C-alpha atoms as a PDB file:
ATOM      1  CA  MET A   1     -15.392  32.162  18.911  1.00  0.00           C
ATOM      2  CA  LYS A   2     -12.807  30.561  20.867  1.00  0.00           C
ATOM      3  CA  LYS A   3     -11.301  27.501  19.652  1.00  0.00           C
ATOM      4  CA  TYR A   4      -9.515  24.506  21.435  1.00  0.00           C
ATOM      5  CA  LYS A   5      -6.750  22.206  20.729  1.00  0.00           C
ATOM      6  CA  VAL A   6      -6.233  18.766  22.228  1.00  0.00           C
ATOM      7  CA  GLN A   7      -2.570  18.018  24.081  1.00  0.00           C
ATOM      8  CA  ARG A   8      -1.304  14.410  25.100  1.00  0.00           C
ATOM      9  CA  LEU A   9       1.200  15.379  28.468  1.00  0.00           C
ATOM     10  CA  TYR A  10       3.497  12.655  29.413  1.00  0.00           C
ATOM     11  CA  PHE A  11       4.160  12.627  33.562  1.00  0.00           C
ATOM     12  CA  ASN A  12       7.587  11.379  32.457  1.00  0.00           C
ATOM     13  CA  LYS A  13       8.287  14.354  30.088  1.00  0.00           C
ATOM     14  CA  PRO A  14       7.613  17.603  32.577  1.00  0.00           C
ATOM     15  CA  GLY A  15       6.387  20.729  30.242  1.00  0.00           C
ATOM     16  CA  TYR A  16       6.311  18.011  26.907  1.00  0.00           C
ATOM     17  CA  LYS A  17       3.535  19.002  25.113  1.00  0.00           C
ATOM     18  CA  TYR A  18       2.274  17.629  21.843  1.00  0.00           C
ATOM     19  CA  THR A  19      -0.619  18.790  19.871  1.00  0.00           C
ATOM     20  CA  LEU A  20      -2.909  16.033  18.833  1.00  0.00           C
ATOM     21  CA  LEU A  21      -5.720  17.932  17.499  1.00  0.00           C
ATOM     22  CA  SER A  22      -6.127  21.830  16.825  1.00  0.00           C
ATOM     23  CA  ASN A  23      -8.933  24.619  16.043  1.00  0.00           C
ATOM     24  CA  LEU A  24     -11.638  22.813  17.363  1.00  0.00           C
ATOM     25  CA  THR A  25     -15.035  23.727  19.424  1.00  0.00           C
ATOM     26  CA  LEU A  26     -15.390  24.045  23.278  1.00  0.00           C
ATOM     27  CA  GLU A  27     -17.464  20.724  22.975  1.00  0.00           C
ATOM     28  CA  GLN A  28     -15.539  18.829  20.784  1.00  0.00           C
ATOM     29  CA  ALA A  29     -12.575  19.033  22.637  1.00  0.00           C
ATOM     30  CA  GLN A  30     -14.367  18.463  26.478  1.00  0.00           C
ATOM     31  CA  ALA A  31     -15.940  15.404  24.317  1.00  0.00           C
ATOM     32  CA  HIS A  32     -12.442  13.616  23.240  1.00  0.00           C
ATOM     33  CA  CYS A  33     -10.921  14.474  26.474  1.00  0.00           C
ATOM     34  CA  SER A  34     -13.946  12.875  28.242  1.00  0.00           C
ATOM     35  CA  ASP A  35     -12.971   9.302  26.173  1.00  0.00           C
ATOM     36  CA  PRO A  36     -11.654   7.165  28.434  1.00  0.00           C
ATOM     37  CA  GLU A  37      -9.128   6.068  25.732  1.00  0.00           C
ATOM     38  CA  THR A  38      -7.532   9.564  26.439  1.00  0.00           C
ATOM     39  CA  SER A  39      -5.843   7.989  29.617  1.00  0.00           C
ATOM     40  CA  SER A  40      -3.019   5.479  30.661  1.00  0.00           C
ATOM     41  CA  SER A  41      -4.950   4.916  33.269  1.00  0.00           C
ATOM     42  CA  THR A  42      -8.164   3.962  31.627  1.00  0.00           C
ATOM     43  CA  CYS A  43      -7.585   2.944  28.160  1.00  0.00           C
ATOM     44  CA  THR A  44      -7.714  -0.695  27.207  1.00  0.00           C
ATOM     45  CA  SER A  45      -6.415  -0.368  22.945  1.00  0.00           C
ATOM     46  CA  ARG A  46      -3.686  -2.226  22.018  1.00  0.00           C
ATOM     47  CA  TYR A  47      -2.039   0.606  20.792  1.00  0.00           C
ATOM     48  CA  LYS A  48      -2.760   2.795  23.823  1.00  0.00           C
ATOM     49  CA  ARG A  49      -1.341   0.180  26.458  1.00  0.00           C
ATOM     50  CA  SER A  50       1.932  -0.013  24.540  1.00  0.00           C
ATOM     51  CA  LEU A  51       1.983   3.830  23.932  1.00  0.00           C
ATOM     52  CA  THR A  52       2.178   3.745  28.073  1.00  0.00           C
ATOM     53  CA  ARG A  53       4.383   1.350  28.028  1.00  0.00           C
ATOM     54  CA  LYS A  54       7.127   2.864  25.763  1.00  0.00           C
ATOM     55  CA  HIS A  55       6.656   6.531  27.390  1.00  0.00           C
ATOM     56  CA  GLY A  56       4.819   5.562  30.990  1.00  0.00           C
ATOM     57  CA  PRO A  57       1.940   7.684  32.445  1.00  0.00           C
ATOM     58  CA  TRP A  58      -0.190  10.186  30.255  1.00  0.00           C
ATOM     59  CA  PHE A  59      -3.234  11.862  29.396  1.00  0.00           C
ATOM     60  CA  ASP A  60      -5.087  14.333  26.697  1.00  0.00           C
ATOM     61  CA  CYS A  61      -6.011  17.636  28.160  1.00  0.00           C
ATOM     62  CA  TYR A  62      -7.332  20.617  25.971  1.00  0.00           C
ATOM     63  CA  ALA A  63      -5.914  24.286  26.114  1.00  0.00           C
ATOM     64  CA  GLU A  64      -7.305  27.240  24.342  1.00  0.00           C
ATOM     65  CA  ASP A  65      -6.026  27.260  20.558  1.00  0.00           C
ATOM     66  CA  ASN A  66      -4.100  30.465  20.131  1.00  0.00           C
END
């Protein structure tokens, strides 16, 4: 069974990928990434807004975990 990881990508840091979660099922990875709090353009929490101010626009995505 394939496993997936969730990574955070920053628009101002091309090529930089920070792994947040790993060893997930496809359904778990998709559920995480469909949450509005996983993108700087839709997040509302104080912490996530401060992250955006500090690092610029970002979003979470998933990829196959090798």
